[in-house]
Amino acid sequence: LDDLPLASLLVTAIDVEGRMQGPALELTREVVDVTRLAVTASGGIGGIEDLRDLARVGAAQAVIGMALYTNRIDAAEVAREFAV
């Protein structure tokens, strides 16, 4: 992986994408465990607790599209809690 010009990996769990019933935590953890790249998780996120769970398994970033679009996540709250 040292030779790859990648900054991060996007992992989209298509089996939960758009459902907002929770992300694929085990899949995310497995990817985090096998790479030194930052992992961006996508799919299934329905609330701020899902973001906390993803952070616990090592995701560096998350795509919150549907949850943001449907107002299930407040962008300001996410920024307050997760801003670097």
PDB file of N, CA and C in Angstrom:
ATOM      1  N   LEU A   1       0.808  -1.216   0.000  1.00  0.00           N
ATOM      2  CA  LEU A   1       0.000   0.000   0.000  1.00  0.00           C
ATOM      3  C   LEU A   1       0.843   1.268   0.000  1.00  0.00           C
ATOM      4  N   ASP A   2       2.102   1.175   0.379  1.00  0.00           N
ATOM      5  CA  ASP A   2       2.941   2.368   0.429  1.00  0.00           C
ATOM      6  C   ASP A   2       3.077   3.048  -0.927  1.00  0.00           C
ATOM      7  N   ASP A   3       2.974   2.282  -2.010  1.00  0.00           N
ATOM      8  CA  ASP A   3       3.160   2.833  -3.346  1.00  0.00           C
ATOM      9  C   ASP A   3       1.879   3.426  -3.941  1.00  0.00           C
ATOM     10  N   LEU A   4       0.753   3.234  -3.283  1.00  0.00           N
ATOM     11  CA  LEU A   4      -0.511   3.724  -3.817  1.00  0.00           C
ATOM     12  C   LEU A   4      -0.720   5.193  -3.473  1.00  0.00           C
ATOM     13  N   PRO A   5      -1.100   5.993  -4.439  1.00  0.00           N
ATOM     14  CA  PRO A   5      -1.331   7.421  -4.175  1.00  0.00           C
ATOM     15  C   PRO A   5      -2.747   7.689  -3.662  1.00  0.00           C
ATOM     16  N   LEU A   6      -3.148   6.977  -2.633  1.00  0.00           N
ATOM     17  CA  LEU A   6      -4.496   7.122  -2.088  1.00  0.00           C
ATOM     18  C   LEU A   6      -4.449   7.807  -0.729  1.00  0.00           C
ATOM     19  N   ALA A   7      -5.418   8.640  -0.480  1.00  0.00           N
ATOM     20  CA  ALA A   7      -5.515   9.290   0.813  1.00  0.00           C
ATOM     21  C   ALA A   7      -6.449   8.539   1.745  1.00  0.00           C
ATOM     22  N   SER A   8      -7.457   7.873   1.164  1.00  0.00           N
ATOM     23  CA  SER A   8      -8.428   7.156   1.992  1.00  0.00           C
ATOM     24  C   SER A   8      -9.180   6.135   1.144  1.00  0.00           C
ATOM     25  N   LEU A   9      -9.926   5.305   1.833  1.00  0.00           N
ATOM     26  CA  LEU A   9     -10.788   4.316   1.179  1.00  0.00           C
ATOM     27  C   LEU A   9     -12.241   4.615   1.524  1.00  0.00           C
ATOM     28  N   LEU A  10     -13.105   4.560   0.533  1.00  0.00           N
ATOM     29  CA  LEU A  10     -14.539   4.696   0.750  1.00  0.00           C
ATOM     30  C   LEU A  10     -15.129   3.304   0.752  1.00  0.00           C
ATOM     31  N   VAL A  11     -15.765   2.941   1.854  1.00  0.00           N
ATOM     32  CA  VAL A  11     -16.396   1.635   1.982  1.00  0.00           C
ATOM     33  C   VAL A  11     -17.903   1.860   2.049  1.00  0.00           C
ATOM     34  N   THR A  12     -18.604   1.441   0.991  1.00  0.00           N
ATOM     35  CA  THR A  12     -20.052   1.608   0.935  1.00  0.00           C
ATOM     36  C   THR A  12     -20.725   0.255   1.115  1.00  0.00           C
ATOM     37  N   ALA A  13     -21.480   0.117   2.186  1.00  0.00           N
ATOM     38  CA  ALA A  13     -22.215  -1.113   2.460  1.00  0.00           C
ATOM     39  C   ALA A  13     -23.551  -1.026   1.723  1.00  0.00           C
ATOM     40  N   ILE A  14     -23.574  -1.569   0.518  1.00  0.00           N
ATOM     41  CA  ILE A  14     -24.761  -1.412  -0.328  1.00  0.00           C
ATOM     42  C   ILE A  14     -25.976  -2.146   0.214  1.00  0.00           C
ATOM     43  N   ASP A  15     -25.754  -3.136   1.075  1.00  0.00           N
ATOM     44  CA  ASP A  15     -26.890  -3.873   1.637  1.00  0.00           C
ATOM     45  C   ASP A  15     -27.663  -3.062   2.670  1.00  0.00           C
ATOM     46  N   VAL A  16     -27.070  -1.998   3.210  1.00  0.00           N
ATOM     47  CA  VAL A  16     -27.772  -1.146   4.177  1.00  0.00           C
ATOM     48  C   VAL A  16     -27.924   0.283   3.688  1.00  0.00           C
ATOM     49  N   GLU A  17     -27.372   0.586   2.530  1.00  0.00           N
ATOM     50  CA  GLU A  17     -27.384   1.946   1.991  1.00  0.00           C
ATOM     51  C   GLU A  17     -28.810   2.476   1.833  1.00  0.00           C
ATOM     52  N   GLY A  18     -29.025   3.696   2.320  1.00  0.00           N
ATOM     53  CA  GLY A  18     -30.317   4.354   2.189  1.00  0.00           C
ATOM     54  C   GLY A  18     -31.367   3.922   3.188  1.00  0.00           C
ATOM     55  N   ARG A  19     -31.090   2.935   4.010  1.00  0.00           N
ATOM     56  CA  ARG A  19     -32.088   2.417   4.953  1.00  0.00           C
ATOM     57  C   ARG A  19     -32.092   3.126   6.302  1.00  0.00           C
ATOM     58  N   MET A  20     -30.969   3.747   6.644  1.00  0.00           N
ATOM     59  CA  MET A  20     -30.835   4.475   7.913  1.00  0.00           C
ATOM     60  C   MET A  20     -31.148   3.601   9.119  1.00  0.00           C
ATOM     61  N   GLN A  21     -30.769   2.321   9.047  1.00  0.00           N
ATOM     62  CA  GLN A  21     -31.012   1.392  10.154  1.00  0.00           C
ATOM     63  C   GLN A  21     -29.718   0.914  10.784  1.00  0.00           C
ATOM     64  N   GLY A  22     -28.652   1.659  10.549  1.00  0.00           N
ATOM     65  CA  GLY A  22     -27.369   1.334  11.148  1.00  0.00           C
ATOM     66  C   GLY A  22     -26.348   0.931  10.106  1.00  0.00           C
ATOM     67  N   PRO A  23     -25.109   1.353  10.324  1.00  0.00           N
ATOM     68  CA  PRO A  23     -24.038   1.057   9.385  1.00  0.00           C
ATOM     69  C   PRO A  23     -23.510  -0.367   9.550  1.00  0.00           C
ATOM     70  N   ALA A  24     -22.714  -0.789   8.601  1.00  0.00           N
ATOM     71  CA  ALA A  24     -22.084  -2.110   8.631  1.00  0.00           C
ATOM     72  C   ALA A  24     -20.805  -2.006   9.464  1.00  0.00           C
ATOM     73  N   LEU A  25     -20.959  -2.096  10.769  1.00  0.00           N
ATOM     74  CA  LEU A  25     -19.831  -1.893  11.681  1.00  0.00           C
ATOM     75  C   LEU A  25     -18.750  -2.951  11.508  1.00  0.00           C
ATOM     76  N   GLU A  26     -19.144  -4.199  11.369  1.00  0.00           N
ATOM     77  CA  GLU A  26     -18.155  -5.269  11.242  1.00  0.00           C
ATOM     78  C   GLU A  26     -17.348  -5.112   9.954  1.00  0.00           C
ATOM     79  N   LEU A  27     -18.010  -4.805   8.852  1.00  0.00           N
ATOM     80  CA  LEU A  27     -17.310  -4.569   7.585  1.00  0.00           C
ATOM     81  C   LEU A  27     -16.323  -3.413   7.738  1.00  0.00           C
ATOM     82  N   THR A  28     -16.771  -2.339   8.350  1.00  0.00           N
ATOM     83  CA  THR A  28     -15.904  -1.183   8.543  1.00  0.00           C
ATOM     84  C   THR A  28     -14.701  -1.548   9.398  1.00  0.00           C
ATOM     85  N   ARG A  29     -14.931  -2.268  10.486  1.00  0.00           N
ATOM     86  CA  ARG A  29     -13.842  -2.694  11.361  1.00  0.00           C
ATOM     87  C   ARG A  29     -12.838  -3.564  10.609  1.00  0.00           C
ATOM     88  N   GLU A  30     -13.337  -4.474   9.786  1.00  0.00           N
ATOM     89  CA  GLU A  30     -12.445  -5.353   9.026  1.00  0.00           C
ATOM     90  C   GLU A  30     -11.555  -4.563   8.077  1.00  0.00           C
ATOM     91  N   VAL A  31     -12.123  -3.572   7.405  1.00  0.00           N
ATOM     92  CA  VAL A  31     -11.332  -2.752   6.488  1.00  0.00           C
ATOM     93  C   VAL A  31     -10.316  -1.922   7.261  1.00  0.00           C
ATOM     94  N   VAL A  32     -10.736  -1.323   8.357  1.00  0.00           N
ATOM     95  CA  VAL A  32      -9.817  -0.534   9.189  1.00  0.00           C
ATOM     96  C   VAL A  32      -8.640  -1.394   9.635  1.00  0.00           C
ATOM     97  N   ASP A  33      -8.919  -2.646   9.976  1.00  0.00           N
ATOM     98  CA  ASP A  33      -7.876  -3.539  10.488  1.00  0.00           C
ATOM     99  C   ASP A  33      -6.839  -3.936   9.448  1.00  0.00           C
ATOM    100  N   VAL A  34      -7.178  -3.847   8.158  1.00  0.00           N
ATOM    101  CA  VAL A  34      -6.238  -4.314   7.128  1.00  0.00           C
ATOM    102  C   VAL A  34      -5.571  -3.185   6.346  1.00  0.00           C
ATOM    103  N   THR A  35      -5.799  -1.948   6.729  1.00  0.00           N
ATOM    104  CA  THR A  35      -5.174  -0.842   5.990  1.00  0.00           C
ATOM    105  C   THR A  35      -4.699   0.243   6.943  1.00  0.00           C
ATOM    106  N   ARG A  36      -3.722   0.982   6.491  1.00  0.00           N
ATOM    107  CA  ARG A  36      -3.271   2.156   7.240  1.00  0.00           C
ATOM    108  C   ARG A  36      -3.933   3.419   6.696  1.00  0.00           C
ATOM    109  N   LEU A  37      -4.682   3.297   5.623  1.00  0.00           N
ATOM    110  CA  LEU A  37      -5.378   4.446   5.045  1.00  0.00           C
ATOM    111  C   LEU A  37      -6.591   4.810   5.894  1.00  0.00           C
ATOM    112  N   ALA A  38      -6.989   6.063   5.830  1.00  0.00           N
ATOM    113  CA  ALA A  38      -8.217   6.493   6.493  1.00  0.00           C
ATOM    114  C   ALA A  38      -9.398   5.813   5.800  1.00  0.00           C
ATOM    115  N   VAL A  39     -10.352   5.359   6.573  1.00  0.00           N
ATOM    116  CA  VAL A  39     -11.532   4.681   6.033  1.00  0.00           C
ATOM    117  C   VAL A  39     -12.750   5.586   6.186  1.00  0.00           C
ATOM    118  N   THR A  40     -13.451   5.792   5.068  1.00  0.00           N
ATOM    119  CA  THR A  40     -14.699   6.543   5.057  1.00  0.00           C
ATOM    120  C   THR A  40     -15.834   5.545   4.934  1.00  0.00           C
ATOM    121  N   ALA A  41     -16.720   5.528   5.917  1.00  0.00           N
ATOM    122  CA  ALA A  41     -17.842   4.588   5.929  1.00  0.00           C
ATOM    123  C   ALA A  41     -19.070   5.229   5.300  1.00  0.00           C
ATOM    124  N   SER A  42     -19.811   4.428   4.538  1.00  0.00           N
ATOM    125  CA  SER A  42     -21.021   4.914   3.900  1.00  0.00           C
ATOM    126  C   SER A  42     -22.063   3.807   3.910  1.00  0.00           C
ATOM    127  N   GLY A  43     -23.308   4.203   4.138  1.00  0.00           N
ATOM    128  CA  GLY A  43     -24.413   3.250   4.096  1.00  0.00           C
ATOM    129  C   GLY A  43     -25.004   2.991   5.465  1.00  0.00           C
ATOM    130  N   GLY A  44     -26.308   3.174   5.593  1.00  0.00           N
ATOM    131  CA  GLY A  44     -27.031   2.796   6.797  1.00  0.00           C
ATOM    132  C   GLY A  44     -27.065   3.808   7.918  1.00  0.00           C
ATOM    133  N   ILE A  45     -26.326   4.882   7.799  1.00  0.00           N
ATOM    134  CA  ILE A  45     -26.234   5.840   8.904  1.00  0.00           C
ATOM    135  C   ILE A  45     -27.557   6.579   9.064  1.00  0.00           C
ATOM    136  N   GLY A  46     -28.104   6.503  10.291  1.00  0.00           N
ATOM    137  CA  GLY A  46     -29.403   7.108  10.523  1.00  0.00           C
ATOM    138  C   GLY A  46     -29.444   8.074  11.688  1.00  0.00           C
ATOM    139  N   GLY A  47     -28.331   8.216  12.393  1.00  0.00           N
ATOM    140  CA  GLY A  47     -28.311   9.111  13.534  1.00  0.00           C
ATOM    141  C   GLY A  47     -26.911   9.310  14.062  1.00  0.00           C
ATOM    142  N   ILE A  48     -26.791  10.218  15.006  1.00  0.00           N
ATOM    143  CA  ILE A  48     -25.496  10.574  15.570  1.00  0.00           C
ATOM    144  C   ILE A  48     -24.852   9.384  16.277  1.00  0.00           C
ATOM    145  N   GLU A  49     -25.650   8.521  16.868  1.00  0.00           N
ATOM    146  CA  GLU A  49     -25.093   7.344  17.552  1.00  0.00           C
ATOM    147  C   GLU A  49     -24.394   6.414  16.559  1.00  0.00           C
ATOM    148  N   ASP A  50     -24.905   6.340  15.346  1.00  0.00           N
ATOM    149  CA  ASP A  50     -24.223   5.545  14.316  1.00  0.00           C
ATOM    150  C   ASP A  50     -22.836   6.106  14.031  1.00  0.00           C
ATOM    151  N   LEU A  51     -22.698   7.424  14.041  1.00  0.00           N
ATOM    152  CA  LEU A  51     -21.390   8.041  13.833  1.00  0.00           C
ATOM    153  C   LEU A  51     -20.455   7.727  14.992  1.00  0.00           C
ATOM    154  N   ARG A  52     -20.984   7.724  16.191  1.00  0.00           N
ATOM    155  CA  ARG A  52     -20.170   7.361  17.356  1.00  0.00           C
ATOM    156  C   ARG A  52     -19.700   5.916  17.249  1.00  0.00           C
ATOM    157  N   ASP A  53     -20.597   5.037  16.829  1.00  0.00           N
ATOM    158  CA  ASP A  53     -20.232   3.624  16.656  1.00  0.00           C
ATOM    159  C   ASP A  53     -19.148   3.463  15.596  1.00  0.00           C
ATOM    160  N   LEU A  54     -19.275   4.184  14.495  1.00  0.00           N
ATOM    161  CA  LEU A  54     -18.265   4.113  13.439  1.00  0.00           C
ATOM    162  C   LEU A  54     -16.921   4.630  13.927  1.00  0.00           C
ATOM    163  N   ALA A  55     -16.931   5.686  14.699  1.00  0.00           N
ATOM    164  CA  ALA A  55     -15.681   6.206  15.259  1.00  0.00           C
ATOM    165  C   ALA A  55     -15.041   5.170  16.172  1.00  0.00           C
ATOM    166  N   ARG A  56     -15.861   4.455  16.947  1.00  0.00           N
ATOM    167  CA  ARG A  56     -15.336   3.424  17.856  1.00  0.00           C
ATOM    168  C   ARG A  56     -14.660   2.285  17.109  1.00  0.00           C
ATOM    169  N   VAL A  57     -15.139   1.949  15.905  1.00  0.00           N
ATOM    170  CA  VAL A  57     -14.507   0.863  15.150  1.00  0.00           C
ATOM    171  C   VAL A  57     -13.376   1.365  14.263  1.00  0.00           C
ATOM    172  N   GLY A  58     -13.114   2.671  14.286  1.00  0.00           N
ATOM    173  CA  GLY A  58     -11.955   3.204  13.600  1.00  0.00           C
ATOM    174  C   GLY A  58     -12.186   3.961  12.311  1.00  0.00           C
ATOM    175  N   ALA A  59     -13.433   4.169  11.915  1.00  0.00           N
ATOM    176  CA  ALA A  59     -13.694   4.961  10.707  1.00  0.00           C
ATOM    177  C   ALA A  59     -13.223   6.393  10.937  1.00  0.00           C
ATOM    178  N   ALA A  60     -12.554   6.941   9.942  1.00  0.00           N
ATOM    179  CA  ALA A  60     -12.058   8.306  10.044  1.00  0.00           C
ATOM    180  C   ALA A  60     -13.092   9.326   9.579  1.00  0.00           C
ATOM    181  N   GLN A  61     -13.999   8.871   8.716  1.00  0.00           N
ATOM    182  CA  GLN A  61     -14.997   9.757   8.108  1.00  0.00           C
ATOM    183  C   GLN A  61     -16.252   8.948   7.811  1.00  0.00           C
ATOM    184  N   ALA A  62     -17.339   9.654   7.532  1.00  0.00           N
ATOM    185  CA  ALA A  62     -18.585   8.979   7.180  1.00  0.00           C
ATOM    186  C   ALA A  62     -19.379   9.838   6.201  1.00  0.00           C
ATOM    187  N   VAL A  63     -20.126   9.171   5.361  1.00  0.00           N
ATOM    188  CA  VAL A  63     -21.035   9.838   4.433  1.00  0.00           C
ATOM    189  C   VAL A  63     -22.412   9.820   5.092  1.00  0.00           C
ATOM    190  N   ILE A  64     -22.979  10.983   5.313  1.00  0.00           N
ATOM    191  CA  ILE A  64     -24.252  11.067   6.044  1.00  0.00           C
ATOM    192  C   ILE A  64     -25.382  11.573   5.149  1.00  0.00           C
ATOM    193  N   GLY A  65     -25.307  11.271   3.887  1.00  0.00           N
ATOM    194  CA  GLY A  65     -26.229  11.810   2.894  1.00  0.00           C
ATOM    195  C   GLY A  65     -27.702  11.711   3.229  1.00  0.00           C
ATOM    196  N   MET A  66     -28.239  10.501   3.307  1.00  0.00           N
ATOM    197  CA  MET A  66     -29.675  10.329   3.514  1.00  0.00           C
ATOM    198  C   MET A  66     -30.111  10.850   4.888  1.00  0.00           C
ATOM    199  N   ALA A  67     -29.306  10.597   5.904  1.00  0.00           N
ATOM    200  CA  ALA A  67     -29.651  11.074   7.252  1.00  0.00           C
ATOM    201  C   ALA A  67     -29.681  12.598   7.301  1.00  0.00           C
ATOM    202  N   LEU A  68     -28.793  13.222   6.575  1.00  0.00           N
ATOM    203  CA  LEU A  68     -28.775  14.684   6.512  1.00  0.00           C
ATOM    204  C   LEU A  68     -29.963  15.191   5.696  1.00  0.00           C
ATOM    205  N   TYR A  69     -30.202  14.551   4.575  1.00  0.00           N
ATOM    206  CA  TYR A  69     -31.298  14.939   3.684  1.00  0.00           C
ATOM    207  C   TYR A  69     -32.659  14.844   4.381  1.00  0.00           C
ATOM    208  N   THR A  70     -32.836  13.837   5.228  1.00  0.00           N
ATOM    209  CA  THR A  70     -34.116  13.622   5.911  1.00  0.00           C
ATOM    210  C   THR A  70     -34.163  14.254   7.299  1.00  0.00           C
ATOM    211  N   ASN A  71     -33.134  15.056   7.630  1.00  0.00           N
ATOM    212  CA  ASN A  71     -33.070  15.756   8.917  1.00  0.00           C
ATOM    213  C   ASN A  71     -32.984  14.834  10.132  1.00  0.00           C
ATOM    214  N   ARG A  72     -32.480  13.622   9.950  1.00  0.00           N
ATOM    215  CA  ARG A  72     -32.275  12.733  11.096  1.00  0.00           C
ATOM    216  C   ARG A  72     -30.937  13.010  11.771  1.00  0.00           C
ATOM    217  N   ILE A  73     -30.083  13.758  11.090  1.00  0.00           N
ATOM    218  CA  ILE A  73     -28.814  14.205  11.665  1.00  0.00           C
ATOM    219  C   ILE A  73     -28.733  15.712  11.454  1.00  0.00           C
ATOM    220  N   ASP A  74     -28.329  16.393  12.508  1.00  0.00           N
ATOM    221  CA  ASP A  74     -28.128  17.839  12.442  1.00  0.00           C
ATOM    222  C   ASP A  74     -26.658  18.109  12.142  1.00  0.00           C
ATOM    223  N   ALA A  75     -26.379  18.762  11.035  1.00  0.00           N
ATOM    224  CA  ALA A  75     -25.000  19.022  10.613  1.00  0.00           C
ATOM    225  C   ALA A  75     -24.223  19.805  11.662  1.00  0.00           C
ATOM    226  N   ALA A  76     -24.856  20.749  12.316  1.00  0.00           N
ATOM    227  CA  ALA A  76     -24.168  21.538  13.348  1.00  0.00           C
ATOM    228  C   ALA A  76     -23.756  20.653  14.520  1.00  0.00           C
ATOM    229  N   GLU A  77     -24.627  19.725  14.908  1.00  0.00           N
ATOM    230  CA  GLU A  77     -24.292  18.808  16.007  1.00  0.00           C
ATOM    231  C   GLU A  77     -23.118  17.911  15.619  1.00  0.00           C
ATOM    232  N   VAL A  78     -23.137  17.431  14.385  1.00  0.00           N
ATOM    233  CA  VAL A  78     -22.021  16.595  13.897  1.00  0.00           C
ATOM    234  C   VAL A  78     -20.728  17.395  13.929  1.00  0.00           C
ATOM    235  N   ALA A  79     -20.785  18.621  13.467  1.00  0.00           N
ATOM    236  CA  ALA A  79     -19.585  19.463  13.450  1.00  0.00           C
ATOM    237  C   ALA A  79     -19.067  19.719  14.857  1.00  0.00           C
ATOM    238  N   ARG A  80     -19.966  19.984  15.798  1.00  0.00           N
ATOM    239  CA  ARG A  80     -19.537  20.230  17.176  1.00  0.00           C
ATOM    240  C   ARG A  80     -18.848  19.017  17.779  1.00  0.00           C
ATOM    241  N   GLU A  81     -19.400  17.849  17.518  1.00  0.00           N
ATOM    242  CA  GLU A  81     -18.857  16.646  18.147  1.00  0.00           C
ATOM    243  C   GLU A  81     -17.643  16.074  17.440  1.00  0.00           C
ATOM    244  N   PHE A  82     -17.618  16.164  16.100  1.00  0.00           N
ATOM    245  CA  PHE A  82     -16.585  15.442  15.359  1.00  0.00           C
ATOM    246  C   PHE A  82     -15.583  16.329  14.636  1.00  0.00           C
ATOM    247  N   ALA A  83     -15.725  17.651  14.702  1.00  0.00           N
ATOM    248  CA  ALA A  83     -14.781  18.530  14.012  1.00  0.00           C
ATOM    249  C   ALA A  83     -13.382  18.330  14.566  1.00  0.00           C
ATOM    250  N   VAL A  84     -12.429  18.346  13.674  1.00  0.00           N
ATOM    251  CA  VAL A  84     -11.034  18.140  14.084  1.00  0.00           C
ATOM    252  C   VAL A  84     -10.393  19.466  14.382  1.00  0.00           C
TER     253      VAL A  84
END
